[in-house]
């Protein structure tokens, strides 16, 4: 007999550290995996362009810091500001959860701006190269969400529905898995197209493509998720969709601007 749904009863903890009795969680492991994969993939690109290892090391520090700080502040400001205003010390309790991908996206943009200014490089030149690896990081983070049984989907009777037993016994869309799979496909597509002149020889096109495709899918995937906070129930579209729109518009505007002018690559130092 074919299964009508998939029972998901995976623990979010891998094991507890002895003595301090603190858990090591799958979510943190997938974050680390995403960072390592992005570093190795980006290094292969930058090395071929004549950039030294120190260049990537510095860039990695900016991007990781920007991602974590932005994701944390995004969750605080977009989803639960009143709680954190009442409990300011909880702002630093990242181990308790609370990271917003849109805030992480903003943090990455700020990090790229600061790094590009320091290195005297065009913002879009740096953004294009970061865009090549962002989808693989996104896939890892969404797999971490899956292991945590969070960002769960709406009820469905589709045969691949997941029952998240730590939440309830209702078959639901594995919305986290949809996004993870899309991110893997987007990563493969973008790295294939990077060999074509339309992306590689036009600064900003790769970055624009990431913004449009990634956040358009995020907008659509939100229809298959339950709202994360109660206040979203009164909105026409939820917070994740509202925050996706500016990224889509930014990517679209950049493509239009790029279509009207030529952008040249800077010479590697």
Protein backbone atom coordinates (compact mmCIF):
# COMPACT_ATOMS: atom_id res chain seq x y z
CA UNK A 1 0.00 0.00 0.00
CA UNK A 2 1.32 3.46 -0.86
CA UNK A 3 1.80 5.89 2.01
CA UNK A 4 -0.67 8.76 1.95
CA UNK A 5 1.65 11.03 3.93
CA UNK A 6 5.12 11.16 5.48
CA UNK A 7 5.45 11.08 9.25
CA UNK A 8 8.10 13.59 10.36
CA UNK A 9 9.11 12.91 13.94
CA UNK A 10 12.78 13.88 13.72
CA UNK A 11 14.26 15.50 16.83
CA UNK A 12 15.73 18.96 16.31
CA UNK A 13 18.62 17.99 18.62
CA UNK A 14 21.51 15.79 17.47
CA UNK A 15 22.99 15.26 20.96
CA UNK A 16 23.67 17.11 24.21
CA UNK A 17 27.13 18.35 25.12
CA UNK A 18 28.17 16.62 28.37
CA UNK A 19 28.63 18.63 31.56
CA UNK A 20 27.02 21.83 30.23
CA UNK A 21 24.03 19.82 28.95
CA UNK A 22 23.57 22.07 25.91
CA UNK A 23 22.13 20.56 22.72
CA UNK A 24 23.79 20.56 19.32
CA UNK A 25 20.96 21.10 16.84
CA UNK A 26 20.48 20.20 13.20
CA UNK A 27 19.62 23.82 12.43
CA UNK A 28 23.01 25.06 13.54
CA UNK A 29 24.73 22.24 11.68
CA UNK A 30 22.97 23.16 8.42
CA UNK A 31 23.92 26.81 8.91
CA UNK A 32 27.55 25.75 9.27
CA UNK A 33 27.27 23.50 6.22
CA UNK A 34 25.89 26.39 4.19
CA UNK A 35 28.79 28.64 5.19
CA UNK A 36 31.40 25.98 4.35
CA UNK A 37 29.85 25.15 0.97
CA UNK A 38 29.55 28.82 0.02
CA UNK A 39 33.17 29.45 0.98
CA UNK A 40 34.51 26.54 -1.06
CA UNK A 41 32.40 27.31 -4.14
CA UNK A 42 33.17 31.02 -4.05
CA UNK A 43 36.87 30.34 -3.55
CA UNK A 44 36.99 28.33 -6.76
CA UNK A 45 35.45 31.29 -8.61
CA UNK A 46 37.62 33.99 -7.10
CA UNK A 47 40.85 32.01 -7.44
CA UNK A 48 40.21 31.69 -11.17
CA UNK A 49 39.80 35.47 -11.30
CA UNK A 50 43.15 36.07 -9.62
CA UNK A 51 41.88 37.02 -6.17
CA UNK A 52 44.00 35.96 -3.15
CA UNK A 53 42.67 33.85 -0.29
CA UNK A 54 42.76 36.88 2.02
CA UNK A 55 40.19 38.58 -0.21
CA UNK A 56 37.66 35.79 0.35
CA UNK A 57 38.48 35.51 4.07
CA UNK A 58 37.65 39.18 4.58
CA UNK A 59 34.56 38.97 2.40
CA UNK A 60 33.35 35.92 4.34
CA UNK A 61 33.62 37.75 7.67
CA UNK A 62 31.53 40.64 6.33
CA UNK A 63 28.88 38.36 4.81
CA UNK A 64 28.51 35.99 7.78
CA UNK A 65 28.29 38.89 10.24
CA UNK A 66 25.84 40.75 8.01
CA UNK A 67 23.66 37.67 7.58
CA UNK A 68 23.39 36.82 11.26
CA UNK A 69 22.95 40.39 12.50
CA UNK A 70 20.48 41.23 9.74
CA UNK A 71 18.47 38.03 10.21
CA UNK A 72 18.22 38.61 13.95
CA UNK A 73 17.25 42.26 13.65
CA UNK A 74 14.81 41.37 10.88
CA UNK A 75 12.98 38.93 13.14
CA UNK A 76 12.91 41.45 15.98
CA UNK A 77 11.68 44.40 13.90
CA UNK A 78 9.37 42.63 11.44
CA UNK A 79 7.77 39.93 13.56
CA UNK A 80 7.87 40.66 17.30
CA UNK A 81 9.16 44.15 18.19
CA UNK A 82 6.96 44.58 21.27
CA UNK A 83 8.33 41.42 22.93
CA UNK A 84 11.96 42.45 22.44
CA UNK A 85 11.32 46.02 23.57
CA UNK A 86 9.97 44.53 26.79
CA UNK A 87 12.81 41.99 27.01
CA UNK A 88 15.89 43.67 25.48
CA UNK A 89 18.35 41.07 26.76
CA UNK A 90 16.50 38.45 24.68
CA UNK A 91 17.78 40.21 21.56
CA UNK A 92 21.08 38.41 22.06
CA UNK A 93 19.52 34.97 22.74
CA UNK A 94 19.92 33.71 19.18
CA UNK A 95 20.13 30.12 20.42
CA UNK A 96 16.43 30.37 21.31
CA UNK A 97 15.55 30.92 17.63
CA UNK A 98 14.32 33.91 15.72
CA UNK A 99 16.09 34.63 12.43
CA UNK A 100 14.30 36.23 9.47
CA UNK A 101 15.61 35.52 5.97
CA UNK A 102 14.53 38.92 4.63
CA UNK A 103 16.48 40.62 7.40
CA UNK A 104 19.42 38.40 6.50
CA UNK A 105 19.08 39.56 2.90
CA UNK A 106 19.22 43.21 3.98
CA UNK A 107 22.22 42.43 6.19
CA UNK A 108 24.03 40.85 3.24
CA UNK A 109 23.41 43.95 1.10
CA UNK A 110 24.85 46.19 3.82
CA UNK A 111 27.86 43.86 4.22
CA UNK A 112 28.50 43.87 0.47
CA UNK A 113 28.30 47.68 0.40
CA UNK A 114 30.81 48.04 3.24
CA UNK A 115 33.19 45.46 1.81
CA UNK A 116 33.02 46.87 -1.73
CA UNK A 117 33.72 50.37 -0.46
CA UNK A 118 36.73 49.13 1.51
CA UNK A 119 38.10 47.21 -1.48
CA UNK A 120 37.25 50.03 -3.92
CA UNK A 121 35.20 47.66 -6.07
CA UNK A 122 31.75 48.18 -7.64
CA UNK A 123 28.96 47.05 -5.33
CA UNK A 124 27.35 45.01 -8.12
CA UNK A 125 30.61 43.23 -8.97
CA UNK A 126 30.75 41.83 -5.44
CA UNK A 127 26.98 41.22 -5.34
CA UNK A 128 27.11 39.11 -8.50
CA UNK A 129 29.61 36.72 -6.98
CA UNK A 130 27.73 36.44 -3.70
CA UNK A 131 24.54 35.79 -5.68
CA UNK A 132 26.12 32.67 -7.15
CA UNK A 133 26.30 30.97 -3.75
CA UNK A 134 23.33 32.46 -1.87
CA UNK A 135 20.91 29.75 -3.15
CA UNK A 136 23.00 26.92 -1.70
CA UNK A 137 23.05 28.68 1.67
CA UNK A 138 19.29 29.16 1.39
CA UNK A 139 18.80 25.45 0.72
CA UNK A 140 20.80 24.54 3.83
CA UNK A 141 18.85 26.95 6.03
CA UNK A 142 15.51 25.63 4.81
CA UNK A 143 16.64 22.07 5.50
CA UNK A 144 17.46 23.27 9.00
CA UNK A 145 13.92 24.63 9.27
CA UNK A 146 12.64 21.23 8.20
CA UNK A 147 14.68 19.49 10.91
CA UNK A 148 13.22 21.95 13.43
CA UNK A 149 9.65 21.29 12.21
CA UNK A 150 9.19 25.05 11.78
CA UNK A 151 7.77 27.21 8.98
CA UNK A 152 5.31 24.39 8.38
CA UNK A 153 2.84 24.33 5.53
CA UNK A 154 -0.91 24.47 5.26
CA UNK A 155 -2.98 21.26 5.39
CA UNK A 156 -3.12 19.16 2.21
CA UNK A 157 -4.13 15.69 1.08
CA UNK A 158 -1.28 15.36 -1.44
CA UNK A 159 0.60 12.04 -1.18
CA UNK A 160 3.89 13.74 -0.21
CA UNK A 161 2.33 15.66 2.68
CA UNK A 162 4.30 15.71 5.93
CA UNK A 163 2.81 15.14 9.37
CA UNK A 164 4.96 17.14 11.80
CA UNK A 165 4.25 15.12 14.92
CA UNK A 166 5.76 17.71 17.26
CA UNK A 167 3.12 20.17 16.02
CA UNK A 168 -0.04 18.13 15.33
CA UNK A 169 -1.29 15.13 13.35
CA UNK A 170 -2.40 17.05 10.27
CA UNK A 171 -0.81 16.30 6.86
CA UNK A 172 0.76 19.50 5.58
CA UNK A 173 2.76 20.90 2.68
CA UNK A 174 6.52 20.55 3.36
CA UNK A 175 6.96 24.20 2.39
CA UNK A 176 10.51 24.28 3.75
CA UNK A 177 11.45 21.38 1.49
CA UNK A 178 9.87 23.06 -1.55
CA UNK A 179 12.05 26.11 -0.99
CA UNK A 180 15.18 24.04 -0.36
CA UNK A 181 14.66 22.13 -3.60
CA UNK A 182 14.04 25.34 -5.53
CA UNK A 183 17.23 26.86 -4.11
CA UNK A 184 19.27 23.88 -5.32
CA UNK A 185 17.78 24.21 -8.82
CA UNK A 186 18.38 27.98 -8.78
CA UNK A 187 22.00 27.42 -7.76
CA UNK A 188 22.55 25.03 -10.66
CA UNK A 189 20.82 27.36 -13.13
CA UNK A 190 22.73 30.47 -12.11
CA UNK A 191 26.11 28.78 -12.11
CA UNK A 192 25.36 27.36 -15.56
CA UNK A 193 24.30 30.76 -16.89
CA UNK A 194 27.39 32.36 -15.35
CA UNK A 195 29.34 30.84 -18.23
CA UNK A 196 27.20 32.87 -20.64
CA UNK A 197 28.02 36.46 -21.54
CA UNK A 198 24.59 37.77 -20.50
CA UNK A 199 25.46 37.21 -16.83
CA UNK A 200 29.22 37.19 -16.59
CA UNK A 201 29.92 40.22 -18.78
CA UNK A 202 27.11 42.43 -17.47
CA UNK A 203 27.66 43.54 -13.91
CA UNK A 204 24.48 43.25 -11.85
CA UNK A 205 22.53 40.79 -14.01
CA UNK A 206 23.39 37.81 -11.84
CA UNK A 207 22.41 39.70 -8.68
CA UNK A 208 19.18 40.89 -10.31
CA UNK A 209 18.30 37.37 -11.42
CA UNK A 210 18.77 36.09 -7.88
CA UNK A 211 16.50 38.75 -6.40
CA UNK A 212 13.72 38.18 -8.93
CA UNK A 213 13.67 34.38 -8.94
CA UNK A 214 14.43 33.67 -5.28
CA UNK A 215 11.95 36.15 -3.83
CA UNK A 216 9.26 35.43 -6.43
CA UNK A 217 9.36 31.79 -5.37
CA UNK A 218 9.38 32.84 -1.72
CA UNK A 219 6.29 34.97 -2.38
CA UNK A 220 4.45 32.01 -3.93
CA UNK A 221 5.65 29.50 -1.34
CA UNK A 222 4.21 31.66 1.43
CA UNK A 223 0.72 30.76 0.18
CA UNK A 224 1.50 27.19 1.27
CA UNK A 225 2.73 28.16 4.76
CA UNK A 226 0.85 28.96 7.91
CA UNK A 227 1.49 32.45 9.27
CA UNK A 228 4.35 32.68 11.73
CA UNK A 229 2.75 35.37 13.91
CA UNK A 230 -0.89 36.02 14.82
CA UNK A 231 -0.88 39.61 13.52
CA UNK A 232 -0.34 38.27 9.98
CA UNK A 233 -3.84 36.76 10.01
CA UNK A 234 -5.30 40.24 9.57
CA UNK A 235 -3.07 41.09 6.59
CA UNK A 236 -4.07 40.67 2.96
CA UNK A 237 -0.74 38.93 2.35
CA UNK A 238 1.63 37.83 5.07
CA UNK A 239 4.83 39.52 6.25
CA UNK A 240 7.08 37.21 4.22
CA UNK A 241 5.26 38.21 1.05
CA UNK A 242 5.26 41.92 1.88
CA UNK A 243 9.02 41.83 2.48
CA UNK A 244 9.65 39.89 -0.74
CA UNK A 245 8.09 42.56 -2.98
CA UNK A 246 10.87 45.20 -2.58
CA UNK A 247 13.54 42.62 -3.47
CA UNK A 248 11.62 41.60 -6.61
CA UNK A 249 11.16 45.24 -7.64
CA UNK A 250 14.83 46.00 -7.02
CA UNK A 251 15.93 43.08 -9.19
CA UNK A 252 13.50 44.04 -11.96
CA UNK A 253 14.63 47.67 -11.95
CA UNK A 254 18.27 46.60 -12.09
CA UNK A 255 17.63 44.39 -15.12
CA UNK A 256 15.87 47.24 -16.92
CA UNK A 257 18.72 49.64 -16.17
CA UNK A 258 21.33 47.09 -17.25
CA UNK A 259 19.53 46.49 -20.54
CA UNK A 260 20.13 50.12 -21.45
CA UNK A 261 23.85 50.27 -20.77
CA UNK A 262 27.02 48.19 -20.85
CA UNK A 263 28.78 47.26 -17.61
CA UNK A 264 32.43 46.25 -17.69
CA UNK A 265 34.23 44.02 -15.24
CA UNK A 266 37.07 45.53 -13.20
CA UNK A 267 40.52 44.09 -13.69
CA UNK A 268 41.57 41.70 -10.93
CA UNK A 269 44.23 43.02 -8.59
